[in-house]
Amino acid sequence: MKRKFSITPPPWPAWLDRRSLILLIIAAIFLLTLAWSEPLPKPSQPGKRAASLTPSINAQETSDMPEEWKDNAEQTNGILLGGIILVSIIVIGSFSGMRRKPPLPPH
């Protein structure tokens, strides 16, 4: 007589319903998108000298912004996208909470 062993997966936690699973998946996709959208650092060139601190007069460029800010101007797009996603999650969650019927009081 052979015994059949069946492996059953553990039950899902009580807090993990469909809505929380969808929110976790959205958060994971959001974090992966932010991680992959980050530009790779530029390799430093050992033969290149550091920029001198003497001011130069250039008629075409009148901005006082550092070069680093100009090189990374697109990073604000990710911050803006993240803010929009977070606000939309809060708004959708609030509306879904308002649409629910309140629980009946115990008798």
PDB file of N, CA and C in Angstrom:
ATOM      1  N   MET A   1       0.827  -1.166   0.000  1.00  0.00           N
ATOM      2  CA  MET A   1       0.000   0.000   0.000  1.00  0.00           C
ATOM      3  C   MET A   1       0.886   1.249   0.000  1.00  0.00           C
ATOM      4  N   LYS A   2       0.760   1.989  -1.048  1.00  0.00           N
ATOM      5  CA  LYS A   2       1.554   3.211  -1.162  1.00  0.00           C
ATOM      6  C   LYS A   2       0.736   4.400  -0.708  1.00  0.00           C
ATOM      7  N   ARG A   3       1.428   5.269  -0.030  1.00  0.00           N
ATOM      8  CA  ARG A   3       0.782   6.503   0.404  1.00  0.00           C
ATOM      9  C   ARG A   3       1.030   7.582  -0.626  1.00  0.00           C
ATOM     10  N   LYS A   4       0.016   8.307  -0.939  1.00  0.00           N
ATOM     11  CA  LYS A   4       0.168   9.436  -1.846  1.00  0.00           C
ATOM     12  C   LYS A   4       0.358  10.704  -1.021  1.00  0.00           C
ATOM     13  N   PHE A   5       1.432  11.371  -1.325  1.00  0.00           N
ATOM     14  CA  PHE A   5       1.698  12.625  -0.627  1.00  0.00           C
ATOM     15  C   PHE A   5       1.229  13.771  -1.503  1.00  0.00           C
ATOM     16  N   SER A   6       0.443  14.611  -0.929  1.00  0.00           N
ATOM     17  CA  SER A   6       0.013  15.793  -1.665  1.00  0.00           C
ATOM     18  C   SER A   6       0.526  17.033  -0.939  1.00  0.00           C
ATOM     19  N   ILE A   7       1.131  17.846  -1.714  1.00  0.00           N
ATOM     20  CA  ILE A   7       1.665  19.091  -1.155  1.00  0.00           C
ATOM     21  C   ILE A   7       0.660  20.189  -1.457  1.00  0.00           C
ATOM     22  N   THR A   8       0.139  20.774  -0.419  1.00  0.00           N
ATOM     23  CA  THR A   8      -0.808  21.877  -0.595  1.00  0.00           C
ATOM     24  C   THR A   8      -0.105  23.178  -0.233  1.00  0.00           C
ATOM     25  N   PRO A   9      -0.309  24.198  -1.047  1.00  0.00           N
ATOM     26  CA  PRO A   9       0.328  25.479  -0.718  1.00  0.00           C
ATOM     27  C   PRO A   9      -0.302  26.064   0.534  1.00  0.00           C
ATOM     28  N   PRO A  10       0.466  26.866   1.262  1.00  0.00           N
ATOM     29  CA  PRO A  10      -0.105  27.488   2.465  1.00  0.00           C
ATOM     30  C   PRO A  10      -1.227  28.441   2.075  1.00  0.00           C
ATOM     31  N   PRO A  11      -2.173  28.659   2.959  1.00  0.00           N
ATOM     32  CA  PRO A  11      -3.284  29.561   2.626  1.00  0.00           C
ATOM     33  C   PRO A  11      -2.790  31.010   2.516  1.00  0.00           C
ATOM     34  N   TRP A  12      -3.514  31.785   1.726  1.00  0.00           N
ATOM     35  CA  TRP A  12      -3.184  33.196   1.581  1.00  0.00           C
ATOM     36  C   TRP A  12      -3.407  33.922   2.900  1.00  0.00           C
ATOM     37  N   PRO A  13      -2.596  34.940   3.184  1.00  0.00           N
ATOM     38  CA  PRO A  13      -2.867  35.732   4.387  1.00  0.00           C
ATOM     39  C   PRO A  13      -4.229  36.438   4.271  1.00  0.00           C
ATOM     40  N   ALA A  14      -4.806  36.746   5.400  1.00  0.00           N
ATOM     41  CA  ALA A  14      -6.148  37.343   5.404  1.00  0.00           C
ATOM     42  C   ALA A  14      -6.151  38.741   4.777  1.00  0.00           C
ATOM     43  N   TRP A  15      -5.052  39.456   4.886  1.00  0.00           N
ATOM     44  CA  TRP A  15      -5.018  40.820   4.368  1.00  0.00           C
ATOM     45  C   TRP A  15      -4.816  40.866   2.863  1.00  0.00           C
ATOM     46  N   LEU A  16      -4.476  39.736   2.246  1.00  0.00           N
ATOM     47  CA  LEU A  16      -4.155  39.712   0.821  1.00  0.00           C
ATOM     48  C   LEU A  16      -5.384  39.346   0.006  1.00  0.00           C
ATOM     49  N   ASP A  17      -6.210  40.338  -0.258  1.00  0.00           N
ATOM     50  CA  ASP A  17      -7.367  40.125  -1.118  1.00  0.00           C
ATOM     51  C   ASP A  17      -7.040  40.653  -2.515  1.00  0.00           C
ATOM     52  N   ARG A  18      -8.019  40.673  -3.381  1.00  0.00           N
ATOM     53  CA  ARG A  18      -7.772  41.073  -4.769  1.00  0.00           C
ATOM     54  C   ARG A  18      -7.319  42.524  -4.866  1.00  0.00           C
ATOM     55  N   ARG A  19      -7.931  43.411  -4.116  1.00  0.00           N
ATOM     56  CA  ARG A  19      -7.599  44.836  -4.186  1.00  0.00           C
ATOM     57  C   ARG A  19      -6.165  45.104  -3.715  1.00  0.00           C
ATOM     58  N   SER A  20      -5.768  44.502  -2.597  1.00  0.00           N
ATOM     59  CA  SER A  20      -4.413  44.739  -2.110  1.00  0.00           C
ATOM     60  C   SER A  20      -3.379  44.088  -3.020  1.00  0.00           C
ATOM     61  N   LEU A  21      -3.717  42.959  -3.634  1.00  0.00           N
ATOM     62  CA  LEU A  21      -2.799  42.333  -4.579  1.00  0.00           C
ATOM     63  C   LEU A  21      -2.599  43.220  -5.813  1.00  0.00           C
ATOM     64  N   ILE A  22      -3.664  43.819  -6.302  1.00  0.00           N
ATOM     65  CA  ILE A  22      -3.553  44.729  -7.451  1.00  0.00           C
ATOM     66  C   ILE A  22      -2.718  45.948  -7.082  1.00  0.00           C
ATOM     67  N   LEU A  23      -2.922  46.495  -5.885  1.00  0.00           N
ATOM     68  CA  LEU A  23      -2.129  47.657  -5.469  1.00  0.00           C
ATOM     69  C   LEU A  23      -0.654  47.301  -5.312  1.00  0.00           C
ATOM     70  N   LEU A  24      -0.362  46.106  -4.809  1.00  0.00           N
ATOM     71  CA  LEU A  24       1.034  45.677  -4.690  1.00  0.00           C
ATOM     72  C   LEU A  24       1.677  45.511  -6.061  1.00  0.00           C
ATOM     73  N   ILE A  25       0.941  44.970  -7.013  1.00  0.00           N
ATOM     74  CA  ILE A  25       1.478  44.806  -8.363  1.00  0.00           C
ATOM     75  C   ILE A  25       1.729  46.167  -9.004  1.00  0.00           C
ATOM     76  N   ILE A  26       0.792  47.107  -8.829  1.00  0.00           N
ATOM     77  CA  ILE A  26       0.972  48.451  -9.378  1.00  0.00           C
ATOM     78  C   ILE A  26       2.176  49.134  -8.739  1.00  0.00           C
ATOM     79  N   ALA A  27       2.333  48.980  -7.428  1.00  0.00           N
ATOM     80  CA  ALA A  27       3.479  49.594  -6.753  1.00  0.00           C
ATOM     81  C   ALA A  27       4.787  48.987  -7.236  1.00  0.00           C
ATOM     82  N   ALA A  28       4.812  47.673  -7.457  1.00  0.00           N
ATOM     83  CA  ALA A  28       6.028  47.029  -7.953  1.00  0.00           C
ATOM     84  C   ALA A  28       6.362  47.502  -9.365  1.00  0.00           C
ATOM     85  N   ILE A  29       5.346  47.607 -10.223  1.00  0.00           N
ATOM     86  CA  ILE A  29       5.583  48.099 -11.583  1.00  0.00           C
ATOM     87  C   ILE A  29       6.083  49.542 -11.543  1.00  0.00           C
ATOM     88  N   PHE A  30       5.499  50.346 -10.670  1.00  0.00           N
ATOM     89  CA  PHE A  30       5.916  51.748 -10.529  1.00  0.00           C
ATOM     90  C   PHE A  30       7.375  51.845 -10.084  1.00  0.00           C
ATOM     91  N   LEU A  31       7.760  51.041  -9.094  1.00  0.00           N
ATOM     92  CA  LEU A  31       9.136  51.093  -8.608  1.00  0.00           C
ATOM     93  C   LEU A  31      10.123  50.594  -9.657  1.00  0.00           C
ATOM     94  N   LEU A  32       9.752  49.547 -10.396  1.00  0.00           N
ATOM     95  CA  LEU A  32      10.629  49.064 -11.464  1.00  0.00           C
ATOM     96  C   LEU A  32      10.779  50.106 -12.565  1.00  0.00           C
ATOM     97  N   THR A  33       9.693  50.786 -12.893  1.00  0.00           N
ATOM     98  CA  THR A  33       9.755  51.827 -13.923  1.00  0.00           C
ATOM     99  C   THR A  33      10.659  52.966 -13.474  1.00  0.00           C
ATOM    100  N   LEU A  34      10.552  53.365 -12.217  1.00  0.00           N
ATOM    101  CA  LEU A  34      11.427  54.428 -11.719  1.00  0.00           C
ATOM    102  C   LEU A  34      12.887  53.991 -11.709  1.00  0.00           C
ATOM    103  N   ALA A  35      13.140  52.736 -11.349  1.00  0.00           N
ATOM    104  CA  ALA A  35      14.523  52.260 -11.303  1.00  0.00           C
ATOM    105  C   ALA A  35      15.127  52.191 -12.705  1.00  0.00           C
ATOM    106  N   TRP A  36      14.345  51.768 -13.687  1.00  0.00           N
ATOM    107  CA  TRP A  36      14.873  51.646 -15.037  1.00  0.00           C
ATOM    108  C   TRP A  36      14.924  52.978 -15.767  1.00  0.00           C
ATOM    109  N   SER A  37      14.158  53.956 -15.358  1.00  0.00           N
ATOM    110  CA  SER A  37      14.171  55.232 -16.056  1.00  0.00           C
ATOM    111  C   SER A  37      15.308  56.128 -15.600  1.00  0.00           C
ATOM    112  N   GLU A  38      15.985  55.765 -14.546  1.00  0.00           N
ATOM    113  CA  GLU A  38      17.106  56.549 -14.047  1.00  0.00           C
ATOM    114  C   GLU A  38      18.255  56.462 -15.047  1.00  0.00           C
ATOM    115  N   PRO A  39      18.773  57.592 -15.508  1.00  0.00           N
ATOM    116  CA  PRO A  39      19.875  57.530 -16.480  1.00  0.00           C
ATOM    117  C   PRO A  39      21.142  56.971 -15.835  1.00  0.00           C
ATOM    118  N   LEU A  40      21.913  56.255 -16.625  1.00  0.00           N
ATOM    119  CA  LEU A  40      23.164  55.694 -16.127  1.00  0.00           C
ATOM    120  C   LEU A  40      24.191  56.803 -15.933  1.00  0.00           C
ATOM    121  N   PRO A  41      25.029  56.679 -14.924  1.00  0.00           N
ATOM    122  CA  PRO A  41      26.034  57.726 -14.715  1.00  0.00           C
ATOM    123  C   PRO A  41      27.046  57.732 -15.868  1.00  0.00           C
ATOM    124  N   LYS A  42      27.485  58.914 -16.209  1.00  0.00           N
ATOM    125  CA  LYS A  42      28.477  59.047 -17.275  1.00  0.00           C
ATOM    126  C   LYS A  42      29.842  58.643 -16.729  1.00  0.00           C
ATOM    127  N   PRO A  43      30.590  57.856 -17.479  1.00  0.00           N
ATOM    128  CA  PRO A  43      31.914  57.461 -16.980  1.00  0.00           C
ATOM    129  C   PRO A  43      32.853  58.662 -16.942  1.00  0.00           C
ATOM    130  N   SER A  44      33.647  58.704 -15.897  1.00  0.00           N
ATOM    131  CA  SER A  44      34.586  59.826 -15.780  1.00  0.00           C
ATOM    132  C   SER A  44      35.786  59.557 -16.676  1.00  0.00           C
ATOM    133  N   GLN A  45      36.294  60.597 -17.252  1.00  0.00           N
ATOM    134  CA  GLN A  45      37.448  60.470 -18.129  1.00  0.00           C
ATOM    135  C   GLN A  45      38.681  60.888 -17.339  1.00  0.00           C
ATOM    136  N   PRO A  46      39.628  59.954 -17.153  1.00  0.00           N
ATOM    137  CA  PRO A  46      40.779  60.274 -16.304  1.00  0.00           C
ATOM    138  C   PRO A  46      41.689  61.358 -16.887  1.00  0.00           C
ATOM    139  N   GLY A  47      41.735  61.521 -18.194  1.00  0.00           N
ATOM    140  CA  GLY A  47      42.628  62.508 -18.793  1.00  0.00           C
ATOM    141  C   GLY A  47      42.051  63.910 -18.795  1.00  0.00           C
ATOM    142  N   LYS A  48      40.808  64.049 -18.443  1.00  0.00           N
ATOM    143  CA  LYS A  48      40.145  65.351 -18.506  1.00  0.00           C
ATOM    144  C   LYS A  48      40.353  66.103 -17.190  1.00  0.00           C
ATOM    145  N   ARG A  49      40.742  67.361 -17.296  1.00  0.00           N
ATOM    146  CA  ARG A  49      40.935  68.169 -16.099  1.00  0.00           C
ATOM    147  C   ARG A  49      39.611  68.674 -15.578  1.00  0.00           C
ATOM    148  N   ALA A  50      39.551  68.939 -14.303  1.00  0.00           N
ATOM    149  CA  ALA A  50      38.347  69.507 -13.698  1.00  0.00           C
ATOM    150  C   ALA A  50      38.174  70.944 -14.181  1.00  0.00           C
ATOM    151  N   ALA A  51      36.948  71.375 -14.250  1.00  0.00           N
ATOM    152  CA  ALA A  51      36.661  72.733 -14.725  1.00  0.00           C
ATOM    153  C   ALA A  51      37.215  73.747 -13.726  1.00  0.00           C
ATOM    154  N   SER A  52      37.769  74.791 -14.252  1.00  0.00           N
ATOM    155  CA  SER A  52      38.307  75.820 -13.380  1.00  0.00           C
ATOM    156  C   SER A  52      37.175  76.687 -12.848  1.00  0.00           C
ATOM    157  N   LEU A  53      37.429  77.362 -11.777  1.00  0.00           N
ATOM    158  CA  LEU A  53      36.413  78.176 -11.142  1.00  0.00           C
ATOM    159  C   LEU A  53      36.431  79.622 -11.620  1.00  0.00           C
ATOM    160  N   THR A  54      37.238  79.941 -12.616  1.00  0.00           N
ATOM    161  CA  THR A  54      37.267  81.307 -13.116  1.00  0.00           C
ATOM    162  C   THR A  54      36.037  81.546 -13.983  1.00  0.00           C
ATOM    163  N   PRO A  55      35.353  82.634 -13.752  1.00  0.00           N
ATOM    164  CA  PRO A  55      34.147  82.897 -14.541  1.00  0.00           C
ATOM    165  C   PRO A  55      34.504  83.244 -15.986  1.00  0.00           C
ATOM    166  N   SER A  56      33.699  82.768 -16.875  1.00  0.00           N
ATOM    167  CA  SER A  56      33.898  83.096 -18.288  1.00  0.00           C
ATOM    168  C   SER A  56      32.661  83.833 -18.783  1.00  0.00           C
ATOM    169  N   ILE A  57      32.865  84.789 -19.622  1.00  0.00           N
ATOM    170  CA  ILE A  57      31.755  85.576 -20.154  1.00  0.00           C
ATOM    171  C   ILE A  57      31.361  84.975 -21.492  1.00  0.00           C
ATOM    172  N   ASN A  58      30.108  84.549 -21.544  1.00  0.00           N
ATOM    173  CA  ASN A  58      29.586  83.972 -22.770  1.00  0.00           C
ATOM    174  C   ASN A  58      28.302  84.712 -23.101  1.00  0.00           C
ATOM    175  N   ALA A  59      28.231  85.306 -24.265  1.00  0.00           N
ATOM    176  CA  ALA A  59      27.081  86.117 -24.616  1.00  0.00           C
ATOM    177  C   ALA A  59      25.837  85.267 -24.828  1.00  0.00           C
ATOM    178  N   GLN A  60      26.005  84.013 -25.234  1.00  0.00           N
ATOM    179  CA  GLN A  60      24.846  83.178 -25.516  1.00  0.00           C
ATOM    180  C   GLN A  60      24.245  82.569 -24.258  1.00  0.00           C
ATOM    181  N   GLU A  61      25.042  82.319 -23.278  1.00  0.00           N
ATOM    182  CA  GLU A  61      24.552  81.650 -22.078  1.00  0.00           C
ATOM    183  C   GLU A  61      24.525  82.619 -20.913  1.00  0.00           C
ATOM    184  N   THR A  62      23.325  82.946 -20.455  1.00  0.00           N
ATOM    185  CA  THR A  62      23.185  83.873 -19.336  1.00  0.00           C
ATOM    186  C   THR A  62      22.599  83.188 -18.114  1.00  0.00           C
ATOM    187  N   SER A  63      22.429  81.886 -18.169  1.00  0.00           N
ATOM    188  CA  SER A  63      21.834  81.145 -17.059  1.00  0.00           C
ATOM    189  C   SER A  63      22.865  80.918 -15.969  1.00  0.00           C
ATOM    190  N   ASP A  64      22.401  80.975 -14.729  1.00  0.00           N
ATOM    191  CA  ASP A  64      23.278  80.712 -13.595  1.00  0.00           C
ATOM    192  C   ASP A  64      23.145  79.275 -13.101  1.00  0.00           C
ATOM    193  N   MET A  65      22.445  78.435 -13.857  1.00  0.00           N
ATOM    194  CA  MET A  65      22.256  77.046 -13.432  1.00  0.00           C
ATOM    195  C   MET A  65      23.552  76.257 -13.593  1.00  0.00           C
ATOM    196  N   PRO A  66      23.840  75.378 -12.643  1.00  0.00           N
ATOM    197  CA  PRO A  66      25.019  74.511 -12.804  1.00  0.00           C
ATOM    198  C   PRO A  66      24.817  73.533 -13.962  1.00  0.00           C
ATOM    199  N   GLU A  67      25.921  73.059 -14.501  1.00  0.00           N
ATOM    200  CA  GLU A  67      25.860  72.127 -15.631  1.00  0.00           C
ATOM    201  C   GLU A  67      25.157  70.833 -15.254  1.00  0.00           C
ATOM    202  N   GLU A  68      25.314  70.415 -14.017  1.00  0.00           N
ATOM    203  CA  GLU A  68      24.683  69.165 -13.573  1.00  0.00           C
ATOM    204  C   GLU A  68      23.163  69.246 -13.669  1.00  0.00           C
ATOM    205  N   TRP A  69      22.613  70.404 -13.369  1.00  0.00           N
ATOM    206  CA  TRP A  69      21.156  70.566 -13.466  1.00  0.00           C
ATOM    207  C   TRP A  69      20.702  70.532 -14.919  1.00  0.00           C
ATOM    208  N   LYS A  70      21.505  71.087 -15.794  1.00  0.00           N
ATOM    209  CA  LYS A  70      21.152  71.082 -17.210  1.00  0.00           C
ATOM    210  C   LYS A  70      21.218  69.668 -17.785  1.00  0.00           C
ATOM    211  N   ASP A  71      22.203  68.889 -17.332  1.00  0.00           N
ATOM    212  CA  ASP A  71      22.361  67.522 -17.834  1.00  0.00           C
ATOM    213  C   ASP A  71      21.241  66.609 -17.366  1.00  0.00           C
ATOM    214  N   ASN A  72      20.662  66.890 -16.201  1.00  0.00           N
ATOM    215  CA  ASN A  72      19.643  66.011 -15.615  1.00  0.00           C
ATOM    216  C   ASN A  72      18.273  66.674 -15.594  1.00  0.00           C
ATOM    217  N   ALA A  73      17.939  67.399 -16.626  1.00  0.00           N
ATOM    218  CA  ALA A  73      16.682  68.150 -16.640  1.00  0.00           C
ATOM    219  C   ALA A  73      15.469  67.237 -16.742  1.00  0.00           C
ATOM    220  N   GLU A  74      15.634  66.010 -17.272  1.00  0.00           N
ATOM    221  CA  GLU A  74      14.493  65.115 -17.459  1.00  0.00           C
ATOM    222  C   GLU A  74      14.111  64.363 -16.189  1.00  0.00           C
ATOM    223  N   GLN A  75      14.887  64.462 -15.132  1.00  0.00           N
ATOM    224  CA  GLN A  75      14.579  63.720 -13.915  1.00  0.00           C
ATOM    225  C   GLN A  75      13.292  64.206 -13.263  1.00  0.00           C
ATOM    226  N   THR A  76      12.910  65.424 -13.498  1.00  0.00           N
ATOM    227  CA  THR A  76      11.670  65.913 -12.905  1.00  0.00           C
ATOM    228  C   THR A  76      10.457  65.229 -13.518  1.00  0.00           C
ATOM    229  N   ASN A  77      10.593  64.672 -14.717  1.00  0.00           N
ATOM    230  CA  ASN A  77       9.480  63.953 -15.329  1.00  0.00           C
ATOM    231  C   ASN A  77       9.087  62.742 -14.489  1.00  0.00           C
ATOM    232  N   GLY A  78      10.064  62.024 -13.969  1.00  0.00           N
ATOM    233  CA  GLY A  78       9.778  60.865 -13.127  1.00  0.00           C
ATOM    234  C   GLY A  78       9.125  61.262 -11.817  1.00  0.00           C
ATOM    235  N   ILE A  79       9.563  62.361 -11.246  1.00  0.00           N
ATOM    236  CA  ILE A  79       8.971  62.834  -9.997  1.00  0.00           C
ATOM    237  C   ILE A  79       7.520  63.247 -10.235  1.00  0.00           C
ATOM    238  N   LEU A  80       7.287  63.933 -11.341  1.00  0.00           N
ATOM    239  CA  LEU A  80       5.927  64.353 -11.677  1.00  0.00           C
ATOM    240  C   LEU A  80       5.035  63.143 -11.938  1.00  0.00           C
ATOM    241  N   LEU A  81       5.536  62.163 -12.672  1.00  0.00           N
ATOM    242  CA  LEU A  81       4.767  60.947 -12.935  1.00  0.00           C
ATOM    243  C   LEU A  81       4.458  60.206 -11.636  1.00  0.00           C
ATOM    244  N   GLY A  82       5.430  60.114 -10.756  1.00  0.00           N
ATOM    245  CA  GLY A  82       5.210  59.458  -9.465  1.00  0.00           C
ATOM    246  C   GLY A  82       4.174  60.173  -8.626  1.00  0.00           C
ATOM    247  N   GLY A  83       4.214  61.500  -8.622  1.00  0.00           N
ATOM    248  CA  GLY A  83       3.219  62.269  -7.875  1.00  0.00           C
ATOM    249  C   GLY A  83       1.815  62.077  -8.425  1.00  0.00           C
ATOM    250  N   ILE A  84       1.700  62.060  -9.752  1.00  0.00           N
ATOM    251  CA  ILE A  84       0.385  61.849 -10.365  1.00  0.00           C
ATOM    252  C   ILE A  84      -0.159  60.472 -10.025  1.00  0.00           C
ATOM    253  N   ILE A  85       0.692  59.460 -10.072  1.00  0.00           N
ATOM    254  CA  ILE A  85       0.245  58.101  -9.751  1.00  0.00           C
ATOM    255  C   ILE A  85      -0.179  58.007  -8.286  1.00  0.00           C
ATOM    256  N   LEU A  86       0.599  58.596  -7.390  1.00  0.00           N
ATOM    257  CA  LEU A  86       0.246  58.536  -5.963  1.00  0.00           C
ATOM    258  C   LEU A  86      -1.067  59.264  -5.678  1.00  0.00           C
ATOM    259  N   VAL A  87      -1.248  60.422  -6.270  1.00  0.00           N
ATOM    260  CA  VAL A  87      -2.497  61.163  -6.059  1.00  0.00           C
ATOM    261  C   VAL A  87      -3.678  60.389  -6.632  1.00  0.00           C
ATOM    262  N   SER A  88      -3.500  59.779  -7.808  1.00  0.00           N
ATOM    263  CA  SER A  88      -4.604  59.017  -8.384  1.00  0.00           C
ATOM    264  C   SER A  88      -4.936  57.790  -7.537  1.00  0.00           C
ATOM    265  N   ILE A  89      -3.944  57.148  -6.934  1.00  0.00           N
ATOM    266  CA  ILE A  89      -4.221  56.014  -6.034  1.00  0.00           C
ATOM    267  C   ILE A  89      -5.032  56.483  -4.833  1.00  0.00           C
ATOM    268  N   ILE A  90      -4.673  57.635  -4.272  1.00  0.00           N
ATOM    269  CA  ILE A  90      -5.402  58.152  -3.115  1.00  0.00           C
ATOM    270  C   ILE A  90      -6.834  58.516  -3.496  1.00  0.00           C
ATOM    271  N   VAL A  91      -7.004  59.167  -4.647  1.00  0.00           N
ATOM    272  CA  VAL A  91      -8.350  59.570  -5.072  1.00  0.00           C
ATOM    273  C   VAL A  91      -9.216  58.343  -5.364  1.00  0.00           C
ATOM    274  N   ILE A  92      -8.678  57.368  -6.083  1.00  0.00           N
ATOM    275  CA  ILE A  92      -9.445  56.152  -6.400  1.00  0.00           C
ATOM    276  C   ILE A  92      -9.780  55.387  -5.132  1.00  0.00           C
ATOM    277  N   GLY A  93      -8.840  55.285  -4.208  1.00  0.00           N
ATOM    278  CA  GLY A  93      -9.117  54.612  -2.938  1.00  0.00           C
ATOM    279  C   GLY A  93     -10.173  55.329  -2.119  1.00  0.00           C
ATOM    280  N   SER A  94     -10.145  56.654  -2.138  1.00  0.00           N
ATOM    281  CA  SER A  94     -11.160  57.412  -1.394  1.00  0.00           C
ATOM    282  C   SER A  94     -12.546  57.225  -2.001  1.00  0.00           C
ATOM    283  N   PHE A  95     -12.631  57.276  -3.334  1.00  0.00           N
ATOM    284  CA  PHE A  95     -13.930  57.082  -3.977  1.00  0.00           C
ATOM    285  C   PHE A  95     -14.466  55.672  -3.765  1.00  0.00           C
ATOM    286  N   SER A  96     -13.580  54.666  -3.805  1.00  0.00           N
ATOM    287  CA  SER A  96     -14.063  53.309  -3.581  1.00  0.00           C
ATOM    288  C   SER A  96     -14.497  53.114  -2.121  1.00  0.00           C
ATOM    289  N   GLY A  97     -13.838  53.802  -1.194  1.00  0.00           N
ATOM    290  CA  GLY A  97     -14.261  53.743   0.197  1.00  0.00           C
ATOM    291  C   GLY A  97     -15.586  54.439   0.437  1.00  0.00           C
ATOM    292  N   MET A  98     -15.848  55.511  -0.307  1.00  0.00           N
ATOM    293  CA  MET A  98     -17.124  56.217  -0.161  1.00  0.00           C
ATOM    294  C   MET A  98     -18.284  55.420  -0.757  1.00  0.00           C
ATOM    295  N   ARG A  99     -17.992  54.638  -1.776  1.00  0.00           N
ATOM    296  CA  ARG A  99     -19.056  53.884  -2.434  1.00  0.00           C
ATOM    297  C   ARG A  99     -19.489  52.662  -1.635  1.00  0.00           C
ATOM    298  N   ARG A 100     -18.666  52.190  -0.729  1.00  0.00           N
ATOM    299  CA  ARG A 100     -19.017  51.019   0.075  1.00  0.00           C
ATOM    300  C   ARG A 100     -20.173  51.333   1.002  1.00  0.00           C
ATOM    301  N   LYS A 101     -20.982  50.314   1.223  1.00  0.00           N
ATOM    302  CA  LYS A 101     -22.056  50.483   2.203  1.00  0.00           C
ATOM    303  C   LYS A 101     -21.458  50.290   3.592  1.00  0.00           C
ATOM    304  N   PRO A 102     -21.903  51.085   4.550  1.00  0.00           N
ATOM    305  CA  PRO A 102     -21.358  50.899   5.915  1.00  0.00           C
ATOM    306  C   PRO A 102     -21.874  49.573   6.478  1.00  0.00           C
ATOM    307  N   PRO A 103     -21.081  48.958   7.346  1.00  0.00           N
ATOM    308  CA  PRO A 103     -21.518  47.688   7.938  1.00  0.00           C
ATOM    309  C   PRO A 103     -22.727  47.904   8.837  1.00  0.00           C
ATOM    310  N   LEU A 104     -23.567  46.889   8.890  1.00  0.00           N
ATOM    311  CA  LEU A 104     -24.754  46.975   9.752  1.00  0.00           C
ATOM    312  C   LEU A 104     -24.319  46.866  11.210  1.00  0.00           C
ATOM    313  N   PRO A 105     -25.006  47.621  12.102  1.00  0.00           N
ATOM    314  CA  PRO A 105     -24.656  47.531  13.524  1.00  0.00           C
ATOM    315  C   PRO A 105     -25.087  46.164  14.076  1.00  0.00           C
ATOM    316  N   PRO A 106     -24.360  45.654  15.061  1.00  0.00           N
ATOM    317  CA  PRO A 106     -24.755  44.363  15.649  1.00  0.00           C
ATOM    318  C   PRO A 106     -26.072  44.488  16.422  1.00  0.00           C
ATOM    319  N   HIS A 107     -26.856  43.419  16.378  1.00  0.00           N
ATOM    320  CA  HIS A 107     -28.156  43.434  17.076  1.00  0.00           C
ATOM    321  C   HIS A 107     -28.024  42.953  18.487  1.00  0.00           C
TER     322      HIS A 107
END
